[in-house]
Amino acid sequence: MNLFSISFLIILIFDIIKGNFVLEIFQQNLYNEDYKYFGWIFNHKRIVILALDFFALLCFLMAFLLNNSISRFLIILSYIFYFFEIFRILTFRKNNILSGKLIMSKKMKRIVFTVSFFYIIPLVLYLINYEYVYFSLLLEALFAYFMYFIVWITKIINMPLEYIIDGYYFRIAEEKRNKMKNLKVIGITGTYGKSSTKDIADTILKDFALCQSTPKNLNTLRGLVTTINNYLDESEEIFVVEMGSYKSGEVRALCDLAKPQYAIITNVEESKLNMFSSIEEAVHAKFELVESLGENGVAVLNQDDPWQVKYKVECKCKKLWISLNGDADYSAFHIKYSSEGTQFTVKEKKTNKEYLITTRLLGKHNVYHILSVLAVAREMGMTEDEVIKAVLKLRPLENHLELRNVLYMHQINNTHRSNPQGAKNALDVLKLMPGIKVVVTTGMQTFGEKNQEFNNIFGTQVSQIANYVILIGMENTKSVFQGLMESGFDSKKVYIVNRVQDAYTLLQEINSKKEIYALFESDVDLKA
């Protein structure tokens, strides 16, 4: 095998590693729907533009222009840059930038098939005529460096085919939904808590009727089509649909297909506006779910959310309000947290009944989620005893305020896509726990330019609750540390480590006669 064959092999190996990484980002940013992928690129310019394979590209460019003995040296030099860029990508992934692995859906397989042509063409050109070797290598290196944009170009190339395929499957889903005349559909939307509320509804209502919910995070129109075609059985009686939205009109499109009779809006937060130009536009987009209901529909709204209270609902559907702070159709009070979970009392305004709810779930936000589902369940005909028994079956989602009893501590794992509201909820739980309180965090890393602001606020909040703080990674937690210091927290009780393993070691070394409750707050699971 000569030098040039080795070079093609090395670049192709690099293409596979980088390609898997880029395609994960592309998929998790909804294939650039509403420019989410471009937004990610803009927020991570150092990763995209200042990639080390750019210097490898320069080596191949000089090799092509010189076309002499030095060219071979430049080609060998490029291997070093590719090696370090692979190391950089793997390190980047380890530092929790990505929220999941690549899913090889049919659409992704079509993208991979098309994008492969870009990287096969230079190799074919070389095999046809060896005289084009330097040009072929230059072309291969060029495609490798611009892979972030080639993946997007591939989507454009595939758009006519995808349009035909999407239309075909949409018509099948529409026909299937229209045949299910007696299906009760619950739509759930909001800024945060959609997936948790959906899973709570699925667990509680399965004790009452045949129930199906949209799996995982399939909360787009394409995801709904997939769910109806592949998961929804015609014998199902209840269908719980999570509805995501990044711009106006998306929830309405979901409602046109799903035809919900029940609606739950979890909350509306300014910290996550997505593609909305204002909080008012975001509120209006969420309420597209409520406005889609008919006169016989039921909407469950959060009375403690000022944006929901302000909104003037035009639909004449029945509106039920939930609250933890005042008089509402369904109110929760006497909330207590412990190492066993949460207890609270529910009061129904209509019947004036009060009853105790016990759950393994932690956090005030989960009380809201249970209360909203409880309201729907009672409207559907479940008795309070049936609801109480069903709630006992709820279990925390992995890394969602999940309580784990370790030998030397109680770990509260809240490492699923850390966000300002979720972090605040987690601290509220920690605050009510007995014993020594420790916060272990990498800071929030997925909000672009907002990271510094949110982490600074989080540091201030932590200072009011924690006895000790363990920060993982100096660079990402600077703003958390700053918030702690500005709030007067004792710097001797702040530890900065590079690895999660070191945090576990420190926790074992904290000497205390009291029980230790450690909140792990991050964008990824911080397992040792």
Protein backbone atom coordinates (compact mmCIF):
# COMPACT_ATOMS: atom_id res chain seq x y z
CA MET A 1 0.00 0.00 0.00
CA ASN A 2 1.56 3.31 -1.10
CA LEU A 3 1.46 6.69 0.65
CA PHE A 4 -1.54 7.93 -1.35
CA SER A 5 -3.67 4.87 -0.60
CA ILE A 6 -2.83 5.25 3.09
CA SER A 7 -3.82 8.92 2.90
CA PHE A 8 -7.24 8.11 1.45
CA LEU A 9 -7.76 5.47 4.13
CA ILE A 10 -6.86 7.90 6.94
CA ILE A 11 -9.15 10.63 5.59
CA LEU A 12 -12.03 8.19 5.14
CA ILE A 13 -11.61 6.96 8.73
CA PHE A 14 -11.62 10.59 9.81
CA ASP A 15 -14.75 11.21 7.69
CA ILE A 16 -16.57 8.37 9.45
CA ILE A 17 -15.72 9.63 12.95
CA LYS A 18 -16.44 13.28 12.20
CA GLY A 19 -19.46 12.37 10.08
CA ASN A 20 -21.09 10.44 12.91
CA PHE A 21 -20.54 13.45 15.17
CA VAL A 22 -21.92 15.97 12.66
CA LEU A 23 -24.95 13.83 11.81
CA GLU A 24 -25.78 13.51 15.53
CA ILE A 25 -25.79 17.29 15.81
CA PHE A 26 -27.82 17.64 12.61
CA GLN A 27 -30.42 15.14 13.82
CA GLN A 28 -30.68 16.55 17.33
CA ASN A 29 -31.22 20.01 15.85
CA LEU A 30 -34.18 18.71 13.83
CA TYR A 31 -32.35 18.58 10.48
CA ASN A 32 -32.11 22.40 10.58
CA GLU A 33 -35.87 22.93 10.94
CA ASP A 34 -36.35 26.58 11.86
CA TYR A 35 -32.55 27.02 11.46
CA LYS A 36 -31.82 25.20 14.72
CA TYR A 37 -28.77 23.51 13.19
CA PHE A 38 -27.39 26.82 11.93
CA GLY A 39 -28.05 28.23 15.39
CA TRP A 40 -25.94 25.45 16.88
CA ILE A 41 -23.13 26.18 14.39
CA PHE A 42 -23.27 29.89 15.27
CA ASN A 43 -23.04 29.11 19.00
CA HIS A 44 -20.13 26.72 18.45
CA LYS A 45 -18.05 28.60 15.86
CA ARG A 46 -14.80 27.51 17.48
CA ILE A 47 -15.70 23.87 16.98
CA VAL A 48 -16.84 24.30 13.37
CA ILE A 49 -14.51 26.93 11.93
CA LEU A 50 -11.35 26.45 14.00
CA ALA A 51 -11.24 22.70 13.41
CA LEU A 52 -7.74 21.25 13.15
CA ASP A 53 -8.56 19.52 9.87
CA PHE A 54 -8.40 23.01 8.36
CA PHE A 55 -4.61 22.80 8.74
CA ALA A 56 -4.69 19.35 7.14
CA LEU A 57 -6.57 20.95 4.25
CA LEU A 58 -3.82 23.58 3.95
CA CYS A 59 -1.24 20.78 3.81
CA PHE A 60 -3.05 19.15 0.89
CA LEU A 61 -3.46 22.51 -0.84
CA MET A 62 0.30 23.17 -0.62
CA ALA A 63 1.02 19.60 -1.74
CA PHE A 64 -1.22 20.12 -4.79
CA LEU A 65 0.38 23.48 -5.69
CA LEU A 66 3.97 22.33 -5.19
CA ASN A 67 3.60 18.82 -6.64
CA ASN A 68 7.20 17.85 -5.66
CA SER A 69 9.07 15.88 -3.02
CA ILE A 70 7.94 18.28 -0.28
CA SER A 71 4.35 17.35 -1.09
CA ARG A 72 4.82 13.90 0.42
CA PHE A 73 6.11 15.45 3.65
CA LEU A 74 3.07 17.77 3.78
CA ILE A 75 0.71 14.82 3.34
CA ILE A 76 2.34 12.98 6.26
CA LEU A 77 2.11 16.17 8.32
CA SER A 78 -1.66 16.27 7.68
CA TYR A 79 -2.04 12.94 9.53
CA ILE A 80 -1.07 14.67 12.78
CA PHE A 81 -3.82 17.27 12.38
CA TYR A 82 -6.40 14.60 11.63
CA PHE A 83 -5.33 12.63 14.69
CA PHE A 84 -5.64 15.63 17.01
CA GLU A 85 -8.98 16.65 15.49
CA ILE A 86 -10.34 13.15 16.17
CA PHE A 87 -9.12 13.50 19.76
CA ARG A 88 -10.77 16.94 19.93
CA ILE A 89 -14.10 15.57 18.67
CA LEU A 90 -14.08 12.67 21.13
CA THR A 91 -13.24 15.05 23.99
CA PHE A 92 -15.99 17.39 22.84
CA ARG A 93 -18.53 14.57 22.94
CA LYS A 94 -17.36 13.46 26.37
CA ASN A 95 -17.94 16.96 27.69
CA ASN A 96 -21.69 16.48 27.17
CA ILE A 97 -22.34 18.72 24.16
CA LEU A 98 -24.58 16.06 22.63
CA SER A 99 -27.81 14.90 24.28
CA GLY A 100 -28.05 11.47 22.66
CA LYS A 101 -26.74 9.04 20.08
CA LEU A 102 -27.36 8.98 16.34
CA ILE A 103 -30.63 7.25 15.48
CA MET A 104 -30.47 5.56 12.09
CA SER A 105 -34.01 6.37 10.99
CA LYS A 106 -35.03 5.86 7.37
CA LYS A 107 -34.56 9.57 6.75
CA MET A 108 -31.07 9.49 8.28
CA LYS A 109 -30.16 6.46 6.16
CA ARG A 110 -31.14 8.40 3.03
CA ILE A 111 -28.98 11.33 4.16
CA VAL A 112 -26.01 9.04 4.82
CA PHE A 113 -26.45 7.42 1.40
CA THR A 114 -26.47 10.79 -0.37
CA VAL A 115 -23.67 12.38 1.64
CA SER A 116 -21.44 9.34 0.94
CA PHE A 117 -21.25 10.35 -2.72
CA PHE A 118 -19.31 13.50 -1.82
CA TYR A 119 -16.57 11.42 -0.23
CA ILE A 120 -16.52 8.62 -2.80
CA ILE A 121 -16.11 10.97 -5.80
CA PRO A 122 -12.46 11.98 -5.02
CA LEU A 123 -11.50 8.34 -4.48
CA VAL A 124 -13.09 7.32 -7.78
CA LEU A 125 -11.30 10.20 -9.51
CA TYR A 126 -7.99 8.94 -8.11
CA LEU A 127 -8.66 5.35 -9.20
CA ILE A 128 -9.57 6.47 -12.72
CA ASN A 129 -6.36 8.42 -13.18
CA TYR A 130 -3.47 8.33 -10.68
CA GLU A 131 -2.19 11.64 -12.06
CA TYR A 132 -5.04 13.37 -10.24
CA VAL A 133 -3.83 12.10 -6.86
CA TYR A 134 -2.99 15.47 -5.28
CA PHE A 135 -6.16 17.06 -6.59
CA SER A 136 -8.23 14.07 -5.37
CA LEU A 137 -6.70 14.27 -1.90
CA LEU A 138 -7.28 18.03 -1.82
CA LEU A 139 -10.92 17.50 -2.76
CA GLU A 140 -11.33 14.81 -0.09
CA ALA A 141 -9.78 17.09 2.54
CA LEU A 142 -11.98 19.97 1.40
CA PHE A 143 -15.15 17.88 1.82
CA ALA A 144 -13.93 16.70 5.24
CA TYR A 145 -13.45 20.24 6.53
CA PHE A 146 -16.79 21.53 5.20
CA MET A 147 -18.73 18.49 6.40
CA TYR A 148 -21.02 20.56 8.65
CA PHE A 149 -22.34 22.35 5.56
CA ILE A 150 -22.24 19.37 3.18
CA VAL A 151 -24.68 17.54 5.46
CA TRP A 152 -27.07 20.49 5.12
CA ILE A 153 -26.60 20.56 1.33
CA THR A 154 -27.47 16.86 1.30
CA LYS A 155 -30.76 17.66 2.98
CA ILE A 156 -31.52 20.19 0.22
CA ILE A 157 -30.73 17.58 -2.42
CA ASN A 158 -33.06 15.08 -0.74
CA MET A 159 -35.92 17.54 -0.16
CA PRO A 160 -38.08 16.59 -3.19
CA LEU A 161 -37.92 12.92 -2.23
CA GLU A 162 -38.55 13.67 1.45
CA TYR A 163 -41.56 15.83 0.52
CA ILE A 164 -43.12 12.95 -1.40
CA ILE A 165 -42.41 10.43 1.37
CA ASP A 166 -43.69 12.73 4.14
CA GLY A 167 -46.89 13.42 2.21
CA TYR A 168 -47.51 9.72 1.70
CA TYR A 169 -47.12 8.80 5.37
CA PHE A 170 -49.10 11.86 6.49
CA ARG A 171 -52.12 10.78 4.42
CA ILE A 172 -51.96 7.28 5.92
CA ALA A 173 -51.81 8.72 9.47
CA GLU A 174 -54.67 11.14 8.75
CA GLU A 175 -56.91 8.35 7.43
CA LYS A 176 -56.12 6.15 10.43
CA ARG A 177 -56.86 8.94 12.93
CA ASN A 178 -60.15 9.85 11.23
CA LYS A 179 -61.35 6.25 11.55
CA MET A 180 -60.80 6.27 15.33
CA LYS A 181 -63.94 8.26 16.16
CA ASN A 182 -64.02 7.42 19.89
CA LEU A 183 -60.36 8.04 20.61
CA LYS A 184 -59.77 10.49 23.48
CA VAL A 185 -56.71 12.61 22.76
CA ILE A 186 -54.78 14.64 25.34
CA GLY A 187 -52.43 17.28 23.97
CA ILE A 188 -49.57 18.48 26.19
CA THR A 189 -47.41 21.53 25.46
CA GLY A 190 -45.34 24.09 27.32
CA THR A 191 -41.77 25.33 27.67
CA TYR A 192 -40.64 22.65 30.10
CA GLY A 193 -42.13 19.47 31.55
CA LYS A 194 -43.92 18.14 28.46
CA SER A 195 -42.22 14.73 28.48
CA SER A 196 -42.57 14.30 32.24
CA THR A 197 -46.27 15.20 32.16
CA LYS A 198 -46.83 12.87 29.21
CA ASP A 199 -45.21 9.95 31.03
CA ILE A 200 -47.21 10.68 34.19
CA ALA A 201 -50.42 10.74 32.15
CA ASP A 202 -49.51 7.50 30.42
CA THR A 203 -48.88 5.71 33.74
CA ILE A 204 -51.98 7.02 35.53
CA LEU A 205 -54.44 6.56 32.67
CA LYS A 206 -53.27 3.03 31.81
CA ASP A 207 -55.00 1.94 35.03
CA PHE A 208 -58.23 3.33 33.61
CA ALA A 209 -58.23 2.51 29.87
CA LEU A 210 -56.10 1.34 26.95
CA CYS A 211 -53.62 4.19 26.56
CA GLN A 212 -50.82 5.05 24.12
CA SER A 213 -48.48 8.03 24.21
CA THR A 214 -45.96 9.50 21.79
CA PRO A 215 -42.64 7.75 22.54
CA LYS A 216 -39.52 9.52 23.79
CA ASN A 217 -39.24 13.04 22.36
CA LEU A 218 -41.28 12.55 19.18
CA ASN A 219 -43.11 15.85 19.62
CA THR A 220 -43.01 17.21 16.05
CA LEU A 221 -45.50 16.67 13.23
CA ARG A 222 -43.25 14.03 11.69
CA GLY A 223 -42.98 12.33 15.08
CA LEU A 224 -46.76 12.34 15.46
CA VAL A 225 -47.18 10.79 12.00
CA THR A 226 -44.67 8.09 12.94
CA THR A 227 -46.46 7.39 16.23
CA ILE A 228 -49.90 7.09 14.64
CA ASN A 229 -48.66 4.84 11.84
CA ASN A 230 -46.35 2.61 13.90
CA TYR A 231 -47.51 2.68 17.52
CA LEU A 232 -51.18 3.65 17.78
CA ASP A 233 -53.46 0.60 17.74
CA GLU A 234 -57.08 1.01 16.68
CA SER A 235 -58.15 -0.60 19.98
CA GLU A 236 -56.59 2.25 21.99
CA GLU A 237 -59.01 4.45 23.94
CA ILE A 238 -56.68 7.27 25.03
CA PHE A 239 -53.83 8.88 23.11
CA VAL A 240 -51.41 11.23 24.94
CA VAL A 241 -49.58 13.55 22.53
CA GLU A 242 -46.55 15.65 23.45
CA MET A 243 -46.53 18.79 21.30
CA GLY A 244 -43.32 20.75 20.80
CA SER A 245 -43.17 24.11 19.08
CA TYR A 246 -40.36 26.32 17.85
CA LYS A 247 -42.57 28.80 16.00
CA SER A 248 -46.22 29.78 15.58
CA GLY A 249 -48.40 27.32 13.73
CA GLU A 250 -46.60 24.12 14.70
CA VAL A 251 -48.93 23.20 17.58
CA ARG A 252 -51.93 24.02 15.37
CA ALA A 253 -50.63 21.61 12.72
CA LEU A 254 -50.25 18.89 15.36
CA CYS A 255 -53.79 19.53 16.58
CA ASP A 256 -55.22 19.34 13.04
CA LEU A 257 -53.92 15.78 12.81
CA ALA A 258 -54.33 14.56 16.42
CA LYS A 259 -57.69 16.30 17.09
CA PRO A 260 -57.32 16.60 20.90
CA GLN A 261 -60.30 16.97 23.25
CA TYR A 262 -58.11 17.64 26.30
CA ALA A 263 -55.27 20.13 26.65
CA ILE A 264 -52.55 20.64 29.27
CA ILE A 265 -50.19 23.63 29.20
CA THR A 266 -47.37 23.04 31.66
CA ASN A 267 -45.76 26.50 31.74
CA VAL A 268 -44.32 29.29 29.61
CA GLU A 269 -40.81 30.49 30.43
CA GLU A 270 -38.88 33.42 28.98
CA SER A 271 -35.56 31.56 29.30
CA LYS A 272 -36.36 29.33 26.32
CA LEU A 273 -38.02 31.21 23.48
CA ASN A 274 -36.54 29.06 20.67
CA MET A 275 -37.36 30.82 17.38
CA PHE A 276 -40.05 33.07 18.89
CA SER A 277 -39.41 36.79 18.70
CA SER A 278 -41.11 37.51 22.04
CA ILE A 279 -42.63 35.82 25.07
CA GLU A 280 -46.07 36.96 23.88
CA GLU A 281 -45.62 35.11 20.59
CA ALA A 282 -44.49 32.00 22.49
CA VAL A 283 -47.58 32.13 24.74
CA HIS A 284 -49.85 32.48 21.71
CA ALA A 285 -48.16 29.48 20.07
CA LYS A 286 -48.70 27.29 23.15
CA PHE A 287 -52.34 28.32 23.37
CA GLU A 288 -52.93 27.10 19.82
CA LEU A 289 -53.57 23.80 21.60
CA VAL A 290 -56.38 25.25 23.73
CA GLU A 291 -57.88 27.21 20.83
CA SER A 292 -58.09 23.98 18.80
CA LEU A 293 -60.53 22.43 21.29
CA GLY A 294 -64.24 22.39 20.62
CA GLU A 295 -66.93 23.50 23.05
CA ASN A 296 -66.85 20.08 24.70
CA GLY A 297 -63.08 20.21 25.17
CA VAL A 298 -61.28 20.54 28.51
CA ALA A 299 -58.18 22.71 29.05
CA VAL A 300 -56.05 22.38 32.19
CA LEU A 301 -54.13 25.58 32.90
CA ASN A 302 -51.62 26.66 35.52
CA GLN A 303 -52.97 29.45 37.70
CA ASP A 304 -49.49 30.11 39.11
CA ASP A 305 -48.12 30.94 35.65
CA PRO A 306 -48.80 34.68 35.07
CA TRP A 307 -48.55 34.28 31.27
CA GLN A 308 -51.33 31.70 31.25
CA VAL A 309 -53.51 33.82 33.52
CA LYS A 310 -53.05 36.89 31.28
CA TYR A 311 -53.96 35.10 28.07
CA LYS A 312 -57.53 35.63 26.89
CA VAL A 313 -58.83 32.27 25.66
CA GLU A 314 -61.29 32.64 22.79
CA CYS A 315 -62.31 28.98 22.77
CA LYS A 316 -65.49 28.22 24.72
CA CYS A 317 -64.08 24.97 26.10
CA LYS A 318 -64.15 24.07 29.79
CA LYS A 319 -61.17 25.55 31.63
CA LEU A 320 -59.77 23.96 34.79
CA TRP A 321 -57.12 25.76 36.82
CA ILE A 322 -54.49 24.12 39.01
CA SER A 323 -52.41 25.83 41.69
CA LEU A 324 -49.99 25.32 44.53
CA ASN A 325 -50.47 28.82 45.87
CA GLY A 326 -54.17 29.56 46.03
CA ASP A 327 -57.79 28.72 45.38
CA ALA A 328 -58.18 26.80 42.10
CA ASP A 329 -60.22 23.95 40.65
CA TYR A 330 -57.47 21.58 41.79
CA SER A 331 -55.08 22.81 44.50
CA ALA A 332 -52.11 21.14 46.19
CA PHE A 333 -50.83 22.09 49.62
CA HIS A 334 -48.91 20.65 52.62
CA ILE A 335 -46.13 19.54 50.25
CA LYS A 336 -43.44 17.47 51.99
CA TYR A 337 -40.23 15.95 50.57
CA SER A 338 -38.19 13.13 52.05
CA SER A 339 -35.79 10.41 50.99
CA GLU A 340 -38.90 8.38 50.14
CA GLY A 341 -40.38 10.94 47.73
CA THR A 342 -43.14 13.55 47.96
CA GLN A 343 -46.46 13.85 49.78
CA PHE A 344 -49.11 16.51 49.25
CA THR A 345 -52.82 17.08 49.79
CA VAL A 346 -55.18 17.74 46.88
CA LYS A 347 -58.33 19.78 47.24
CA GLU A 348 -61.05 19.75 44.56
CA LYS A 349 -63.14 22.89 44.44
CA LYS A 350 -66.14 21.25 42.75
CA THR A 351 -66.56 18.41 45.29
CA ASN A 352 -64.75 20.11 48.19
CA LYS A 353 -62.89 16.83 48.71
CA GLU A 354 -59.39 16.54 50.10
CA TYR A 355 -57.12 13.51 49.75
CA LEU A 356 -53.45 12.64 50.24
CA ILE A 357 -51.18 11.90 47.28
CA THR A 358 -47.91 9.99 47.76
CA THR A 359 -45.31 9.61 44.99
CA ARG A 360 -41.69 8.64 44.47
CA LEU A 361 -41.27 11.72 42.27
CA LEU A 362 -39.47 14.72 43.71
CA GLY A 363 -39.92 18.42 43.06
CA LYS A 364 -42.58 21.08 42.99
CA HIS A 365 -42.73 20.86 39.20
CA ASN A 366 -43.76 17.21 39.47
CA VAL A 367 -46.56 18.21 41.83
CA TYR A 368 -47.79 20.52 39.06
CA HIS A 369 -47.51 17.72 36.49
CA ILE A 370 -49.41 15.23 38.66
CA LEU A 371 -52.06 17.82 39.50
CA SER A 372 -52.70 18.63 35.82
CA VAL A 373 -52.98 14.95 34.86
CA LEU A 374 -55.14 14.31 37.90
CA ALA A 375 -57.56 17.00 36.67
CA VAL A 376 -57.86 15.31 33.27
CA ALA A 377 -58.22 11.86 34.85
CA ARG A 378 -61.04 13.05 37.11
CA GLU A 379 -62.78 14.65 34.11
CA MET A 380 -62.53 11.32 32.28
CA GLY A 381 -64.21 9.54 35.18
CA MET A 382 -61.42 8.14 37.38
CA THR A 383 -62.25 8.13 41.09
CA GLU A 384 -59.93 9.71 43.65
CA ASP A 385 -59.03 6.24 44.99
CA GLU A 386 -58.10 5.07 41.48
CA VAL A 387 -55.93 8.14 41.00
CA ILE A 388 -54.20 7.70 44.38
CA LYS A 389 -53.31 4.08 43.56
CA ALA A 390 -52.13 4.96 40.04
CA VAL A 391 -49.86 7.76 41.29
CA LEU A 392 -48.10 5.28 43.58
CA LYS A 393 -46.86 3.51 40.42
CA LEU A 394 -45.01 6.58 39.14
CA ARG A 395 -41.25 6.27 38.99
CA PRO A 396 -38.71 9.00 38.19
CA LEU A 397 -37.43 9.16 34.63
CA GLU A 398 -33.75 8.42 34.45
CA ASN A 399 -31.73 11.49 35.51
CA HIS A 400 -34.89 13.54 36.25
CA LEU A 401 -34.58 14.26 40.00
CA GLU A 402 -33.91 10.56 40.42
CA LEU A 403 -33.17 9.62 44.03
CA ARG A 404 -30.40 7.03 44.41
CA ASN A 405 -29.32 5.75 47.80
CA VAL A 406 -25.56 5.24 47.69
CA LEU A 407 -23.65 3.76 50.65
CA TYR A 408 -22.36 7.10 51.89
CA MET A 409 -24.99 9.51 50.56
CA HIS A 410 -28.42 10.11 49.02
CA GLN A 411 -27.84 11.21 45.43
CA ILE A 412 -30.44 13.40 43.71
CA ASN A 413 -29.62 12.94 40.03
CA ASN A 414 -30.93 15.80 37.89
CA THR A 415 -28.60 15.52 34.91
CA HIS A 416 -31.06 15.58 32.02
CA ARG A 417 -30.56 18.75 29.95
CA SER A 418 -30.02 21.15 32.79
CA ASN A 419 -32.05 24.35 32.46
CA PRO A 420 -32.72 27.34 34.75
CA GLN A 421 -36.19 26.27 35.88
CA GLY A 422 -35.24 22.62 36.33
CA ALA A 423 -32.14 23.58 38.32
CA LYS A 424 -34.22 25.86 40.56
CA ASN A 425 -36.74 23.06 41.13
CA ALA A 426 -33.93 20.69 42.06
CA LEU A 427 -32.52 23.18 44.59
CA ASP A 428 -35.99 23.57 46.14
CA VAL A 429 -36.02 19.79 46.69
CA LEU A 430 -32.52 19.80 48.16
CA LYS A 431 -33.45 22.66 50.49
CA LEU A 432 -36.15 20.59 52.20
CA MET A 433 -33.92 17.55 52.73
CA PRO A 434 -32.34 16.94 56.18
CA GLY A 435 -28.61 16.64 56.75
CA ILE A 436 -25.61 17.97 54.83
CA LYS A 437 -26.44 19.43 51.40
CA VAL A 438 -23.94 19.24 48.52
CA VAL A 439 -24.29 20.47 44.94
CA VAL A 440 -22.21 18.81 42.23
CA THR A 441 -22.43 20.54 38.85
CA THR A 442 -20.81 21.12 35.46
CA GLY A 443 -22.93 24.23 34.95
CA MET A 444 -25.33 24.76 32.07
CA GLN A 445 -23.69 24.47 28.67
CA THR A 446 -26.43 24.36 26.04
CA PHE A 447 -27.79 27.93 26.06
CA GLY A 448 -25.10 29.62 23.96
CA GLU A 449 -24.56 33.21 24.98
CA LYS A 450 -27.00 32.78 27.90
CA ASN A 451 -24.79 30.18 29.61
CA GLN A 452 -22.85 32.75 31.62
CA GLU A 453 -25.97 34.56 32.84
CA PHE A 454 -27.84 31.38 33.80
CA ASN A 455 -24.83 29.86 35.56
CA ASN A 456 -24.21 33.05 37.54
CA ILE A 457 -27.82 33.04 38.74
CA PHE A 458 -27.56 29.34 39.55
CA GLY A 459 -24.44 29.99 41.65
CA THR A 460 -26.34 32.64 43.62
CA GLN A 461 -29.21 30.20 44.23
CA VAL A 462 -26.83 27.42 45.29
CA SER A 463 -25.15 29.69 47.83
CA GLN A 464 -28.41 29.99 49.76
CA ILE A 465 -28.88 26.23 50.15
CA ALA A 466 -25.69 24.18 49.88
CA ASN A 467 -23.16 23.40 52.61
CA TYR A 468 -20.56 22.30 50.04
CA VAL A 469 -20.20 22.77 46.28
CA ILE A 470 -18.21 20.63 43.86
CA LEU A 471 -17.61 22.18 40.42
CA ILE A 472 -16.59 19.88 37.56
CA GLY A 473 -14.42 21.67 34.99
CA MET A 474 -12.91 25.08 35.65
CA GLU A 475 -13.82 26.63 32.29
CA ASN A 476 -17.53 25.72 32.23
CA THR A 477 -18.18 26.59 35.89
CA LYS A 478 -16.50 30.03 36.11
CA SER A 479 -19.85 31.82 36.20
CA VAL A 480 -21.24 29.43 38.84
CA PHE A 481 -18.18 30.14 41.00
CA GLN A 482 -18.61 33.87 40.42
CA GLY A 483 -22.24 33.70 41.56
CA LEU A 484 -21.17 31.83 44.70
CA MET A 485 -18.47 34.35 45.59
CA GLU A 486 -20.69 37.36 44.90
CA SER A 487 -23.21 35.88 47.34
CA GLY A 488 -20.60 35.51 50.08
CA PHE A 489 -20.30 31.71 49.98
CA ASP A 490 -17.27 30.29 51.84
CA SER A 491 -14.62 29.62 49.16
CA LYS A 492 -13.10 26.90 51.40
CA LYS A 493 -16.25 24.85 50.87
CA VAL A 494 -16.00 25.02 47.07
CA TYR A 495 -14.03 22.28 45.31
CA ILE A 496 -13.05 22.36 41.64
CA VAL A 497 -12.25 19.04 39.96
CA ASN A 498 -11.76 17.88 36.39
CA ARG A 499 -13.52 14.52 36.54
CA VAL A 500 -16.75 13.22 38.04
CA GLN A 501 -14.75 10.41 39.69
CA ASP A 502 -12.97 13.06 41.77
CA ALA A 503 -16.32 14.45 42.88
CA TYR A 504 -17.38 11.04 44.19
CA THR A 505 -14.08 10.75 46.04
CA LEU A 506 -14.60 14.15 47.68
CA LEU A 507 -18.12 13.20 48.75
CA GLN A 508 -16.74 10.16 50.56
CA GLU A 509 -14.23 12.37 52.38
CA ILE A 510 -16.83 14.78 53.77
CA ASN A 511 -16.96 13.85 57.44
CA SER A 512 -20.38 14.28 58.93
CA LYS A 513 -22.55 12.59 61.53
CA LYS A 514 -25.55 13.71 59.47
CA GLU A 515 -26.79 12.14 56.25
CA ILE A 516 -25.43 13.63 53.03
CA TYR A 517 -27.80 14.69 50.24
CA ALA A 518 -25.91 15.45 47.02
CA LEU A 519 -27.64 17.12 44.08
CA PHE A 520 -25.98 16.30 40.75
CA GLU A 521 -27.04 19.08 38.35
CA SER A 522 -25.68 18.91 34.81
CA ASP A 523 -26.38 18.40 31.10
CA VAL A 524 -25.28 14.75 31.23
CA ASP A 525 -25.42 11.86 33.65
CA LEU A 526 -22.56 12.22 36.12
CA LYS A 527 -21.98 8.57 36.93
CA ALA A 528 -18.63 7.51 38.30
